[in-house]
Amino acid sequence: MQDNEPLMRALSKLINLNSPDLVLFVGEALVGNDAVDQLTKFNQKLADLSAVPTARLIDGILLTKFDTIDDKVGAALSMVYISGAPVMFVGCGQSYTDLKKLNVKSIVKTLLK
């Protein structure tokens, strides 16, 4: 809910107070290029609402429903390019064991078809 300022303010405060090891953006792979907009706004809100001079932005991306997008991986590539943060995990099911590391070679192969 990157457009909900009270929620983003609370999230930014949580990040600043707790100093987590990782801040992951969780997005749905099915939304395509809308995910790029969500990520950009999310990161911008974290920067704007930070109480410290050096804002803590996202460290990585987790994309859910990745098993349903077939060869449409352009949005994931754009998200990495725009944010500079890697796709750390992809969701390919409904349980924690269905979180997988992204196979970069497979993605490149898909893009070059």
N, C-alpha and C. Protein backbone atom coordinates (compact mmCIF):
# COMPACT_ATOMS: atom_id res chain seq x y z
N MET A 1 0.84 -1.18 0.00
CA MET A 1 0.00 0.00 0.00
C MET A 1 0.89 1.24 0.00
N GLN A 2 1.67 1.36 -1.04
CA GLN A 2 2.65 2.43 -1.14
C GLN A 2 2.04 3.83 -1.18
N ASP A 3 0.74 3.93 -1.49
CA ASP A 3 0.07 5.24 -1.53
C ASP A 3 -0.59 5.61 -0.20
N ASN A 4 -0.56 4.72 0.76
CA ASN A 4 -1.19 4.96 2.05
C ASN A 4 -0.14 5.56 2.99
N GLU A 5 -0.15 6.89 3.10
CA GLU A 5 0.89 7.58 3.85
C GLU A 5 0.99 7.16 5.32
N PRO A 6 -0.12 7.02 6.06
CA PRO A 6 0.02 6.59 7.46
C PRO A 6 0.69 5.22 7.59
N LEU A 7 0.34 4.27 6.71
CA LEU A 7 0.98 2.95 6.77
C LEU A 7 2.46 3.04 6.40
N MET A 8 2.78 3.82 5.39
CA MET A 8 4.19 3.95 4.99
C MET A 8 4.99 4.67 6.06
N ARG A 9 4.38 5.66 6.73
CA ARG A 9 5.07 6.36 7.82
C ARG A 9 5.38 5.37 8.96
N ALA A 10 4.41 4.52 9.29
CA ALA A 10 4.61 3.52 10.34
C ALA A 10 5.68 2.51 9.94
N LEU A 11 5.67 2.09 8.68
CA LEU A 11 6.68 1.15 8.20
C LEU A 11 8.07 1.77 8.24
N SER A 12 8.18 3.01 7.80
CA SER A 12 9.47 3.70 7.84
C SER A 12 9.98 3.81 9.27
N LYS A 13 9.08 4.09 10.21
CA LYS A 13 9.46 4.18 11.62
C LYS A 13 9.93 2.83 12.14
N LEU A 14 9.23 1.76 11.76
CA LEU A 14 9.63 0.40 12.16
C LEU A 14 11.04 0.07 11.66
N ILE A 15 11.30 0.42 10.42
CA ILE A 15 12.61 0.14 9.83
C ILE A 15 13.69 0.91 10.58
N ASN A 16 13.43 2.19 10.85
CA ASN A 16 14.43 3.01 11.54
C ASN A 16 14.69 2.54 12.97
N LEU A 17 13.64 2.13 13.68
CA LEU A 17 13.79 1.71 15.07
C LEU A 17 14.43 0.33 15.21
N ASN A 18 14.10 -0.58 14.31
CA ASN A 18 14.55 -1.97 14.46
C ASN A 18 15.80 -2.32 13.67
N SER A 19 16.19 -1.51 12.72
CA SER A 19 17.37 -1.78 11.88
C SER A 19 17.43 -3.24 11.42
N PRO A 20 16.45 -3.68 10.63
CA PRO A 20 16.44 -5.09 10.20
C PRO A 20 17.63 -5.39 9.28
N ASP A 21 18.00 -6.67 9.24
CA ASP A 21 19.09 -7.09 8.36
C ASP A 21 18.73 -6.89 6.89
N LEU A 22 17.48 -7.14 6.56
CA LEU A 22 17.01 -7.00 5.18
C LEU A 22 15.66 -6.31 5.14
N VAL A 23 15.50 -5.44 4.16
CA VAL A 23 14.19 -4.86 3.87
C VAL A 23 13.83 -5.37 2.48
N LEU A 24 12.80 -6.20 2.42
CA LEU A 24 12.39 -6.79 1.15
C LEU A 24 11.07 -6.20 0.68
N PHE A 25 11.01 -5.86 -0.59
CA PHE A 25 9.75 -5.46 -1.21
C PHE A 25 9.09 -6.73 -1.71
N VAL A 26 7.86 -6.97 -1.30
CA VAL A 26 7.12 -8.14 -1.74
C VAL A 26 6.08 -7.68 -2.76
N GLY A 27 6.22 -8.17 -3.97
CA GLY A 27 5.30 -7.80 -5.04
C GLY A 27 4.80 -9.02 -5.77
N GLU A 28 3.70 -8.83 -6.47
CA GLU A 28 3.09 -9.91 -7.22
C GLU A 28 3.58 -9.85 -8.67
N ALA A 29 4.11 -10.95 -9.15
CA ALA A 29 4.67 -10.99 -10.50
C ALA A 29 3.61 -10.79 -11.59
N LEU A 30 2.37 -11.12 -11.29
CA LEU A 30 1.31 -11.03 -12.29
C LEU A 30 0.94 -9.61 -12.69
N VAL A 31 1.26 -8.62 -11.88
CA VAL A 31 0.82 -7.26 -12.19
C VAL A 31 1.69 -6.59 -13.24
N GLY A 32 2.75 -7.23 -13.65
CA GLY A 32 3.58 -6.70 -14.74
C GLY A 32 4.24 -5.38 -14.40
N ASN A 33 4.14 -4.42 -15.32
CA ASN A 33 4.82 -3.15 -15.15
C ASN A 33 4.24 -2.30 -14.02
N ASP A 34 3.05 -2.62 -13.55
CA ASP A 34 2.49 -1.92 -12.40
C ASP A 34 3.37 -2.18 -11.17
N ALA A 35 4.05 -3.32 -11.14
CA ALA A 35 4.95 -3.63 -10.02
C ALA A 35 6.13 -2.66 -9.99
N VAL A 36 6.57 -2.21 -11.15
CA VAL A 36 7.67 -1.24 -11.21
C VAL A 36 7.22 0.06 -10.55
N ASP A 37 6.00 0.49 -10.85
CA ASP A 37 5.45 1.70 -10.24
C ASP A 37 5.30 1.54 -8.73
N GLN A 38 4.81 0.38 -8.30
CA GLN A 38 4.65 0.12 -6.86
C GLN A 38 6.00 0.19 -6.15
N LEU A 39 7.00 -0.44 -6.74
CA LEU A 39 8.34 -0.46 -6.14
C LEU A 39 8.93 0.93 -6.07
N THR A 40 8.79 1.69 -7.13
CA THR A 40 9.34 3.05 -7.17
C THR A 40 8.69 3.92 -6.09
N LYS A 41 7.37 3.87 -6.01
CA LYS A 41 6.66 4.66 -5.00
C LYS A 41 7.00 4.20 -3.59
N PHE A 42 7.13 2.90 -3.40
CA PHE A 42 7.46 2.34 -2.10
C PHE A 42 8.82 2.86 -1.63
N ASN A 43 9.81 2.75 -2.49
CA ASN A 43 11.16 3.21 -2.15
C ASN A 43 11.17 4.71 -1.90
N GLN A 44 10.44 5.47 -2.73
CA GLN A 44 10.40 6.93 -2.58
C GLN A 44 9.77 7.33 -1.25
N LYS A 45 8.69 6.62 -0.86
CA LYS A 45 8.05 6.92 0.43
C LYS A 45 8.98 6.60 1.59
N LEU A 46 9.73 5.49 1.48
CA LEU A 46 10.69 5.17 2.54
C LEU A 46 11.73 6.28 2.66
N ALA A 47 12.17 6.81 1.54
CA ALA A 47 13.16 7.89 1.55
C ALA A 47 12.56 9.18 2.10
N ASP A 48 11.36 9.53 1.64
CA ASP A 48 10.73 10.79 2.06
C ASP A 48 10.35 10.80 3.53
N LEU A 49 9.93 9.66 4.06
CA LEU A 49 9.41 9.61 5.43
C LEU A 49 10.46 9.20 6.47
N SER A 50 11.68 9.00 6.04
CA SER A 50 12.72 8.58 6.96
C SER A 50 13.04 9.69 7.95
N ALA A 51 13.24 9.30 9.20
CA ALA A 51 13.58 10.26 10.25
C ALA A 51 15.08 10.49 10.34
N VAL A 52 15.85 9.69 9.64
CA VAL A 52 17.31 9.83 9.67
C VAL A 52 17.79 10.35 8.31
N PRO A 53 18.95 11.01 8.29
CA PRO A 53 19.43 11.61 7.03
C PRO A 53 19.69 10.58 5.91
N THR A 54 20.20 9.42 6.28
CA THR A 54 20.44 8.40 5.26
C THR A 54 19.33 7.35 5.35
N ALA A 55 18.35 7.51 4.49
CA ALA A 55 17.16 6.65 4.53
C ALA A 55 17.52 5.22 4.19
N ARG A 56 16.88 4.30 4.84
CA ARG A 56 17.04 2.88 4.56
C ARG A 56 16.02 2.48 3.50
N LEU A 57 16.48 2.09 2.34
CA LEU A 57 15.61 1.66 1.25
C LEU A 57 15.60 0.15 1.17
N ILE A 58 14.92 -0.39 0.18
CA ILE A 58 14.84 -1.85 0.09
C ILE A 58 16.19 -2.45 -0.27
N ASP A 59 16.42 -3.66 0.23
CA ASP A 59 17.64 -4.40 -0.05
C ASP A 59 17.42 -5.45 -1.13
N GLY A 60 16.18 -5.84 -1.32
CA GLY A 60 15.89 -6.90 -2.28
C GLY A 60 14.41 -6.99 -2.57
N ILE A 61 14.10 -7.88 -3.50
CA ILE A 61 12.73 -8.04 -3.99
C ILE A 61 12.33 -9.50 -3.85
N LEU A 62 11.09 -9.72 -3.42
CA LEU A 62 10.49 -11.05 -3.40
C LEU A 62 9.26 -10.96 -4.31
N LEU A 63 9.24 -11.76 -5.35
CA LEU A 63 8.11 -11.77 -6.28
C LEU A 63 7.27 -13.02 -6.08
N THR A 64 6.00 -12.83 -5.76
CA THR A 64 5.09 -13.96 -5.59
C THR A 64 4.45 -14.32 -6.93
N LYS A 65 3.88 -15.50 -6.99
CA LYS A 65 3.20 -16.01 -8.19
C LYS A 65 4.10 -16.02 -9.42
N PHE A 66 5.39 -16.23 -9.18
CA PHE A 66 6.37 -16.19 -10.27
C PHE A 66 6.20 -17.38 -11.22
N ASP A 67 5.63 -18.46 -10.72
CA ASP A 67 5.45 -19.65 -11.55
C ASP A 67 4.35 -19.48 -12.58
N THR A 68 3.59 -18.41 -12.51
CA THR A 68 2.47 -18.23 -13.42
C THR A 68 2.75 -17.26 -14.56
N ILE A 69 3.95 -16.69 -14.64
CA ILE A 69 4.17 -15.65 -15.64
C ILE A 69 4.84 -16.14 -16.92
N ASP A 70 5.21 -17.39 -16.98
CA ASP A 70 5.84 -17.96 -18.18
C ASP A 70 7.04 -17.14 -18.62
N ASP A 71 7.00 -16.63 -19.84
CA ASP A 71 8.16 -15.91 -20.38
C ASP A 71 8.05 -14.39 -20.22
N LYS A 72 7.11 -13.92 -19.45
CA LYS A 72 6.91 -12.49 -19.25
C LYS A 72 7.68 -12.02 -18.02
N VAL A 73 8.96 -11.96 -18.11
CA VAL A 73 9.80 -11.60 -16.97
C VAL A 73 10.35 -10.18 -17.07
N GLY A 74 9.86 -9.43 -18.03
CA GLY A 74 10.35 -8.07 -18.25
C GLY A 74 10.15 -7.16 -17.05
N ALA A 75 9.03 -7.28 -16.37
CA ALA A 75 8.77 -6.43 -15.20
C ALA A 75 9.79 -6.70 -14.10
N ALA A 76 10.12 -7.96 -13.88
CA ALA A 76 11.12 -8.30 -12.87
C ALA A 76 12.47 -7.67 -13.23
N LEU A 77 12.81 -7.73 -14.49
CA LEU A 77 14.06 -7.12 -14.96
C LEU A 77 14.03 -5.61 -14.76
N SER A 78 12.90 -4.99 -15.06
CA SER A 78 12.76 -3.54 -14.88
C SER A 78 12.84 -3.16 -13.40
N MET A 79 12.27 -3.98 -12.53
CA MET A 79 12.31 -3.70 -11.09
C MET A 79 13.75 -3.70 -10.58
N VAL A 80 14.52 -4.64 -11.04
CA VAL A 80 15.93 -4.71 -10.64
C VAL A 80 16.69 -3.50 -11.17
N TYR A 81 16.43 -3.15 -12.42
CA TYR A 81 17.12 -2.01 -13.04
C TYR A 81 16.78 -0.70 -12.32
N ILE A 82 15.50 -0.48 -12.05
CA ILE A 82 15.04 0.77 -11.43
C ILE A 82 15.55 0.90 -10.00
N SER A 83 15.47 -0.17 -9.22
CA SER A 83 15.80 -0.10 -7.79
C SER A 83 17.26 -0.37 -7.48
N GLY A 84 17.92 -1.13 -8.34
CA GLY A 84 19.28 -1.55 -8.03
C GLY A 84 19.32 -2.68 -7.03
N ALA A 85 18.15 -3.18 -6.65
CA ALA A 85 18.05 -4.28 -5.67
C ALA A 85 17.77 -5.58 -6.41
N PRO A 86 18.37 -6.67 -5.99
CA PRO A 86 18.16 -7.95 -6.68
C PRO A 86 16.84 -8.62 -6.31
N VAL A 87 16.36 -9.46 -7.21
CA VAL A 87 15.25 -10.35 -6.87
C VAL A 87 15.88 -11.47 -6.06
N MET A 88 15.57 -11.51 -4.78
CA MET A 88 16.21 -12.47 -3.90
C MET A 88 15.46 -13.80 -3.85
N PHE A 89 14.15 -13.72 -3.89
CA PHE A 89 13.33 -14.93 -3.86
C PHE A 89 12.14 -14.77 -4.79
N VAL A 90 11.66 -15.89 -5.28
CA VAL A 90 10.42 -15.92 -6.05
C VAL A 90 9.50 -16.96 -5.42
N GLY A 91 8.23 -16.63 -5.38
CA GLY A 91 7.25 -17.55 -4.84
C GLY A 91 6.66 -18.39 -5.95
N CYS A 92 6.69 -19.69 -5.76
CA CYS A 92 6.17 -20.63 -6.77
C CYS A 92 5.16 -21.58 -6.14
N GLY A 93 4.38 -21.08 -5.19
CA GLY A 93 3.40 -21.90 -4.50
C GLY A 93 2.84 -21.16 -3.31
N GLN A 94 2.26 -21.88 -2.37
CA GLN A 94 1.56 -21.23 -1.28
C GLN A 94 2.17 -21.46 0.10
N SER A 95 3.34 -22.07 0.18
CA SER A 95 3.95 -22.29 1.50
C SER A 95 5.38 -21.75 1.50
N TYR A 96 5.95 -21.66 2.68
CA TYR A 96 7.31 -21.13 2.79
C TYR A 96 8.32 -21.96 2.00
N THR A 97 8.08 -23.23 1.89
CA THR A 97 9.01 -24.09 1.14
C THR A 97 8.93 -23.83 -0.35
N ASP A 98 7.93 -23.08 -0.79
CA ASP A 98 7.79 -22.74 -2.20
C ASP A 98 8.52 -21.46 -2.57
N LEU A 99 9.22 -20.86 -1.61
CA LEU A 99 10.07 -19.71 -1.93
C LEU A 99 11.38 -20.24 -2.48
N LYS A 100 11.74 -19.78 -3.66
CA LYS A 100 12.94 -20.27 -4.34
C LYS A 100 13.87 -19.10 -4.64
N LYS A 101 15.14 -19.40 -4.77
CA LYS A 101 16.08 -18.39 -5.27
C LYS A 101 15.89 -18.28 -6.77
N LEU A 102 16.03 -17.06 -7.27
CA LEU A 102 15.85 -16.82 -8.70
C LEU A 102 16.99 -17.45 -9.48
N ASN A 103 16.64 -18.20 -10.52
CA ASN A 103 17.64 -18.81 -11.40
C ASN A 103 17.91 -17.84 -12.55
N VAL A 104 18.98 -17.05 -12.42
CA VAL A 104 19.28 -15.99 -13.38
C VAL A 104 19.55 -16.56 -14.77
N LYS A 105 20.25 -17.67 -14.85
CA LYS A 105 20.54 -18.26 -16.17
C LYS A 105 19.26 -18.62 -16.90
N SER A 106 18.29 -19.14 -16.17
CA SER A 106 17.01 -19.51 -16.76
C SER A 106 16.27 -18.27 -17.29
N ILE A 107 16.33 -17.18 -16.53
CA ILE A 107 15.66 -15.94 -16.94
C ILE A 107 16.30 -15.37 -18.20
N VAL A 108 17.62 -15.34 -18.23
CA VAL A 108 18.33 -14.83 -19.41
C VAL A 108 18.00 -15.68 -20.63
N LYS A 109 17.97 -16.98 -20.44
CA LYS A 109 17.63 -17.90 -21.53
C LYS A 109 16.22 -17.63 -22.06
N THR A 110 15.29 -17.39 -21.14
CA THR A 110 13.91 -17.08 -21.51
C THR A 110 13.83 -15.79 -22.30
N LEU A 111 14.58 -14.77 -21.86
CA LEU A 111 14.56 -13.48 -22.53
C LEU A 111 15.15 -13.54 -23.95
N LEU A 112 16.11 -14.42 -24.15
CA LEU A 112 16.79 -14.48 -25.44
C LEU A 112 16.11 -15.39 -26.44
N LYS A 113 14.99 -16.00 -26.06
CA LYS A 113 14.26 -16.89 -26.99
C LYS A 113 13.67 -16.11 -28.13
